Amino acid sequence: MADEGKSIYGRKVFFVAPSVSFEQQVLERLRLMEYEVYAIDDYRKAKPLLRKNADSICFCMTDSQLTSKGWHNFIKSFENENVFSPLDMGVIMHLMPADKQANFEAGLQLEAGILDANKDPEQLFHDIVRAMDAKNAKGMRKYVRANCLNETQADLLWLKDNRMFKLKIIDISAVGIAAKLSAGQANAVFINQVIEGVTLNLKSVQVGVDIQITAIKSAGDYLLVVIMFNATTTPEAINKIRAYIAETLQENLRSSIRMSDLDRTDYEKLDS
């Protein structure tokens, strides 16, 4: 469906109907590698979500929820909506006997390929990475970021000279933060300043980090502070930040559709 144009920003990658073990063993690992990946637990949610994220890569995991005929019809139906023309579709499945496999594949446009779930898990993982890279999943972007402006608990705090400083996080990645500093706190930080023992409040999780201020810019009624995590910040802290980013992005995805948006098509009876 999609052309071969390159995006400097990379692309979202969706996995439809993944098992819990696949999420834990594969998706979490991909997130550590800074791919922006999402799980869609119910195929009925796929079209509503993908209509809003059409320039994406999507892998259908076809060993549950629908029969092979249902999955064939489901995948084929994407070709009937122009909105999905940028989408690259792939399949992860336990391969069937040759005649049944050929019947399943007939007429399907699977730009991201068919990956064999029978393979050794490590080999399958590398096949997934290769398929994603072939479709420019990362682009030139090195780190996935989560926007925190609408999050009530996303800030950083530190104590200096018996005074508490608190900055609202604008967005966050595994290497740093953009934060808001009020004009009245302009003297609290300076470029190249190193601050140890900073606490990040990320919803219900507190993470201790060491930071360096790398830039301060005017942004109208506040100052934009660019902050990098120092090498002294522990790997455990960075992993907690990555988990927060993944959870935030997944929550935003879930909240973007309602139950009334679900795809009610009966793909088992649909003629493709």
Protein backbone atom coordinates (compact mmCIF):
# COMPACT_ATOMS: atom_id res chain seq x y z
CA MET A 1 0.00 0.00 0.00
CA ALA A 2 2.72 2.52 0.92
CA ASP A 3 5.37 3.94 -1.36
CA GLU A 4 9.05 3.81 -0.53
CA GLY A 5 9.40 7.43 0.56
CA LYS A 6 11.64 8.05 3.57
CA SER A 7 10.64 9.90 6.72
CA ILE A 8 13.23 11.56 8.89
CA TYR A 9 10.93 11.05 11.88
CA GLY A 10 10.46 7.31 11.57
CA ARG A 11 7.11 5.54 11.76
CA LYS A 12 4.85 4.01 14.37
CA VAL A 13 4.71 0.21 14.33
CA PHE A 14 1.50 -1.57 15.39
CA PHE A 15 1.08 -5.21 16.34
CA VAL A 16 -2.51 -6.42 16.14
CA ALA A 17 -3.59 -9.25 18.48
CA PRO A 18 -0.21 -9.97 20.12
CA SER A 19 -0.06 -12.47 22.97
CA VAL A 20 0.95 -11.32 26.45
CA SER A 21 4.24 -13.20 26.13
CA PHE A 22 4.95 -11.52 22.78
CA GLU A 23 4.39 -8.11 24.34
CA GLN A 24 6.72 -8.93 27.21
CA GLN A 25 9.44 -10.65 25.21
CA VAL A 26 9.39 -8.74 21.93
CA LEU A 27 7.69 -5.37 22.24
CA GLU A 28 9.52 -4.42 25.42
CA ARG A 29 12.81 -5.29 23.76
CA LEU A 30 11.94 -3.22 20.70
CA ARG A 31 11.14 -0.27 22.97
CA LEU A 32 14.57 -0.58 24.57
CA MET A 33 15.96 -0.27 21.03
CA GLU A 34 13.96 2.99 20.64
CA TYR A 35 11.35 1.76 18.17
CA GLU A 36 7.93 3.33 18.62
CA VAL A 37 5.81 0.21 18.89
CA TYR A 38 2.21 -0.31 20.01
CA ALA A 39 0.03 -3.28 20.85
CA ILE A 40 -3.57 -3.39 19.60
CA ASP A 41 -5.18 -6.11 21.68
CA ASP A 42 -8.38 -6.45 19.62
CA TYR A 43 -8.51 -6.49 15.81
CA ARG A 44 -11.76 -4.48 16.02
CA LYS A 45 -9.73 -1.51 17.30
CA ALA A 46 -7.20 -1.65 14.49
CA LYS A 47 -8.98 0.33 11.78
CA PRO A 48 -10.15 3.18 14.06
CA LEU A 49 -6.60 3.56 15.38
CA LEU A 50 -4.83 3.14 12.06
CA ARG A 51 -7.09 5.70 10.34
CA LYS A 52 -5.50 8.23 12.69
CA ASN A 53 -2.00 6.81 12.11
CA ALA A 54 -2.12 5.69 8.50
CA ASP A 55 1.56 6.35 7.72
CA SER A 56 2.56 3.42 9.90
CA ILE A 57 3.70 -0.19 9.77
CA CYS A 58 1.24 -2.82 10.94
CA PHE A 59 1.83 -6.50 11.69
CA CYS A 60 -1.24 -8.70 12.15
CA MET A 61 -0.62 -11.71 14.37
CA THR A 62 -3.04 -14.09 12.73
CA ASP A 63 -2.99 -17.09 15.08
CA SER A 64 -5.83 -15.84 17.29
CA GLN A 65 -9.13 -13.90 17.25
CA LEU A 66 -9.99 -14.70 13.61
CA THR A 67 -9.64 -17.73 11.35
CA SER A 68 -7.18 -17.60 8.45
CA LYS A 69 -10.14 -16.69 6.19
CA GLY A 70 -11.18 -13.91 8.57
CA TRP A 71 -7.66 -12.50 8.71
CA HIS A 72 -7.36 -12.68 4.93
CA ASN A 73 -10.58 -10.70 4.54
CA PHE A 74 -9.59 -8.26 7.28
CA ILE A 75 -6.22 -7.47 5.67
CA LYS A 76 -7.72 -7.31 2.19
CA SER A 77 -10.34 -4.80 3.35
CA PHE A 78 -7.65 -2.19 4.05
CA GLU A 79 -7.10 -1.90 0.32
CA ASN A 80 -10.63 -0.56 -0.10
CA GLU A 81 -9.99 2.69 1.82
CA ASN A 82 -7.73 5.35 0.35
CA VAL A 83 -6.83 6.57 3.82
CA PHE A 84 -4.75 3.42 4.29
CA SER A 85 -2.64 3.91 1.16
CA PRO A 86 0.45 4.96 3.21
CA LEU A 87 0.16 1.88 5.46
CA ASP A 88 2.66 -1.00 5.18
CA MET A 89 1.03 -4.26 6.24
CA GLY A 90 2.75 -7.44 7.37
CA VAL A 91 1.79 -10.74 8.98
CA ILE A 92 3.32 -12.81 11.78
CA MET A 93 1.89 -16.32 11.72
CA HIS A 94 2.54 -20.02 12.11
CA LEU A 95 2.88 -20.98 8.48
CA MET A 96 0.36 -23.44 7.06
CA PRO A 97 0.72 -26.23 4.48
CA ALA A 98 1.74 -24.79 1.11
CA ASP A 99 -1.70 -24.95 -0.51
CA LYS A 100 -3.45 -23.30 2.44
CA GLN A 101 -0.66 -20.73 2.76
CA ALA A 102 -0.97 -19.80 -0.90
CA ASN A 103 -4.74 -19.45 -0.51
CA PHE A 104 -4.26 -17.16 2.48
CA GLU A 105 -1.74 -14.94 0.68
CA ALA A 106 -3.64 -14.74 -2.60
CA GLY A 107 -4.33 -11.13 -3.58
CA LEU A 108 -2.94 -9.60 -0.37
CA GLN A 109 -0.57 -6.66 -0.47
CA LEU A 110 1.90 -7.43 2.33
CA GLU A 111 4.65 -4.83 1.94
CA ALA A 112 6.16 -5.68 5.35
CA GLY A 113 6.18 -9.38 4.49
CA ILE A 114 5.10 -12.62 6.13
CA LEU A 115 7.15 -13.66 9.16
CA ASP A 116 7.19 -17.24 10.39
CA ALA A 117 6.18 -17.55 14.05
CA ASN A 118 7.47 -21.15 14.01
CA LYS A 119 11.04 -19.89 13.94
CA ASP A 120 13.37 -19.75 16.89
CA PRO A 121 12.27 -16.72 18.98
CA GLU A 122 15.62 -14.97 18.53
CA GLN A 123 15.52 -15.46 14.77
CA LEU A 124 11.93 -14.22 14.64
CA PHE A 125 12.92 -11.15 16.61
CA HIS A 126 15.68 -10.32 14.14
CA ASP A 127 13.29 -10.92 11.23
CA ILE A 128 10.88 -8.39 12.77
CA VAL A 129 13.66 -5.82 13.19
CA ARG A 130 14.81 -6.30 9.60
CA ALA A 131 11.25 -5.93 8.31
CA MET A 132 10.75 -2.76 10.36
CA ASP A 133 14.06 -1.26 9.25
CA ALA A 134 13.26 -2.04 5.61
CA LYS A 135 10.18 0.17 6.03
CA ASN A 136 12.05 3.03 7.73
CA ALA A 137 10.61 2.46 11.21
CA LYS A 138 13.30 4.58 12.84
CA GLY A 139 14.00 7.15 10.18
CA MET A 140 16.65 9.55 11.44
CA ARG A 141 15.04 9.78 14.86
CA LYS A 142 17.21 8.25 17.58
CA TYR A 143 14.87 8.44 20.57
CA VAL A 144 11.14 8.08 21.12
CA ARG A 145 9.57 10.98 23.02
CA ALA A 146 6.39 11.33 25.04
CA ASN A 147 4.55 14.65 25.32
CA CYS A 148 3.74 15.44 28.95
CA LEU A 149 1.98 18.81 28.75
CA ASN A 150 -1.43 17.33 29.58
CA GLU A 151 -0.07 15.00 32.25
CA THR A 152 -0.82 16.29 35.75
CA GLN A 153 2.15 14.48 37.30
CA ALA A 154 5.19 15.03 35.10
CA ASP A 155 7.73 17.33 36.65
CA LEU A 156 11.26 17.44 38.03
CA LEU A 157 12.30 18.72 41.44
CA TRP A 158 15.51 19.46 43.26
CA LEU A 159 16.57 21.22 46.42
CA LYS A 160 19.13 24.02 46.36
CA ASP A 161 20.07 26.24 49.29
CA ASN A 162 16.99 25.05 51.19
CA ARG A 163 14.79 26.09 48.28
CA MET A 164 12.74 23.65 46.23
CA PHE A 165 12.69 24.07 42.45
CA LYS A 166 10.00 22.43 40.34
CA LEU A 167 9.82 22.43 36.55
CA LYS A 168 6.96 21.11 34.44
CA ILE A 169 8.09 18.53 31.86
CA ILE A 170 7.03 19.33 28.29
CA ASP A 171 8.35 16.13 26.78
CA ILE A 172 10.76 13.36 27.71
CA SER A 173 12.98 10.77 26.04
CA ALA A 174 15.54 8.28 27.35
CA VAL A 175 18.29 10.90 27.00
CA GLY A 176 16.67 14.11 28.16
CA ILE A 177 13.81 16.48 28.83
CA ALA A 178 12.33 19.73 27.63
CA ALA A 179 10.81 21.61 30.58
CA LYS A 180 9.04 24.88 31.40
CA LEU A 181 10.67 27.41 33.69
CA SER A 182 8.73 30.45 34.83
CA ALA A 183 10.30 33.85 34.27
CA GLY A 184 10.44 34.30 38.04
CA GLN A 185 12.78 31.31 38.32
CA ALA A 186 15.15 32.47 35.57
CA ASN A 187 18.09 32.59 37.98
CA ALA A 188 17.55 29.01 39.11
CA VAL A 189 19.48 27.46 36.24
CA PHE A 190 22.22 28.33 33.77
CA ILE A 191 23.66 26.68 30.68
CA ASN A 192 26.09 23.81 31.41
CA GLN A 193 24.90 23.64 35.01
CA VAL A 194 25.10 20.12 36.47
CA ILE A 195 22.50 19.19 39.08
CA GLU A 196 22.73 15.91 40.95
CA GLY A 197 19.95 14.15 42.83
CA VAL A 198 17.04 15.45 40.78
CA THR A 199 13.70 13.67 41.23
CA LEU A 200 11.40 13.03 38.30
CA ASN A 201 7.74 12.63 39.22
CA LEU A 202 6.22 10.53 36.45
CA LYS A 203 2.67 9.71 37.50
CA SER A 204 3.06 7.32 40.43
CA VAL A 205 6.77 6.66 39.80
CA GLN A 206 9.66 8.67 41.15
CA VAL A 207 12.98 8.43 39.35
CA GLY A 208 16.30 9.80 40.56
CA VAL A 209 18.54 11.32 37.87
CA ASP A 210 21.55 13.58 37.43
CA ILE A 211 21.13 16.28 34.80
CA GLN A 212 22.90 18.98 32.83
CA ILE A 213 21.26 22.12 31.47
CA THR A 214 22.19 22.39 27.80
CA ALA A 215 19.99 25.24 26.55
CA ILE A 216 17.59 27.91 27.79
CA LYS A 217 15.28 29.59 25.29
CA SER A 218 12.49 32.12 25.50
CA ALA A 219 9.07 30.62 24.71
CA GLY A 220 6.75 33.55 25.26
CA ASP A 221 5.47 33.55 28.82
CA TYR A 222 7.99 30.95 30.02
CA LEU A 223 11.52 29.73 29.41
CA LEU A 224 12.15 26.45 27.63
CA VAL A 225 14.92 24.51 29.34
CA VAL A 226 16.66 21.68 27.49
CA ILE A 227 18.02 19.09 29.89
CA MET A 228 20.18 16.02 29.29
CA PHE A 229 20.61 13.07 31.64
CA ASN A 230 24.19 12.66 32.79
CA ALA A 231 26.12 9.42 32.42
CA THR A 232 25.92 9.06 36.21
CA THR A 233 22.17 8.39 35.92
CA THR A 234 21.71 4.67 36.47
CA PRO A 235 20.51 2.24 33.75
CA GLU A 236 17.63 1.31 36.08
CA ALA A 237 16.47 4.93 36.09
CA ILE A 238 16.65 5.14 32.29
CA ASN A 239 14.63 1.91 32.00
CA LYS A 240 11.95 3.40 34.27
CA ILE A 241 11.82 6.45 32.02
CA ARG A 242 11.48 4.25 28.93
CA ALA A 243 8.66 2.33 30.63
CA TYR A 244 6.89 5.60 31.40
CA ILE A 245 7.25 6.76 27.78
CA ALA A 246 5.86 3.47 26.44
CA GLU A 247 2.95 3.51 28.91
CA THR A 248 2.12 7.14 28.10
CA LEU A 249 2.12 6.55 24.35
CA GLN A 250 0.04 3.39 24.70
CA GLU A 251 -2.47 5.18 26.97
CA ASN A 252 -2.79 8.01 24.46
CA LEU A 253 -3.49 5.42 21.80
CA ARG A 254 -6.19 3.70 23.86
CA SER A 255 -7.90 6.96 24.75
CA SER A 256 -8.06 8.08 21.12
CA ILE A 257 -10.98 5.77 20.31
CA ARG A 258 -14.28 4.89 21.99
CA MET A 259 -16.13 1.59 22.15
CA SER A 260 -18.57 2.98 19.58
CA ASP A 261 -15.68 3.26 17.11
CA LEU A 262 -15.01 -0.48 17.03
CA ASP A 263 -14.98 -2.22 13.66
CA ARG A 264 -18.13 -4.38 13.65
CA THR A 265 -17.54 -6.06 10.27
CA ASP A 266 -17.91 -9.85 10.26
CA TYR A 267 -14.74 -10.78 8.40
CA GLU A 268 -15.52 -14.50 8.64
CA LYS A 269 -18.47 -14.01 6.27
CA LEU A 270 -17.11 -11.14 4.20
CA ASP A 271 -16.25 -11.93 0.57
CA SER A 272 -12.82 -10.50 -0.21
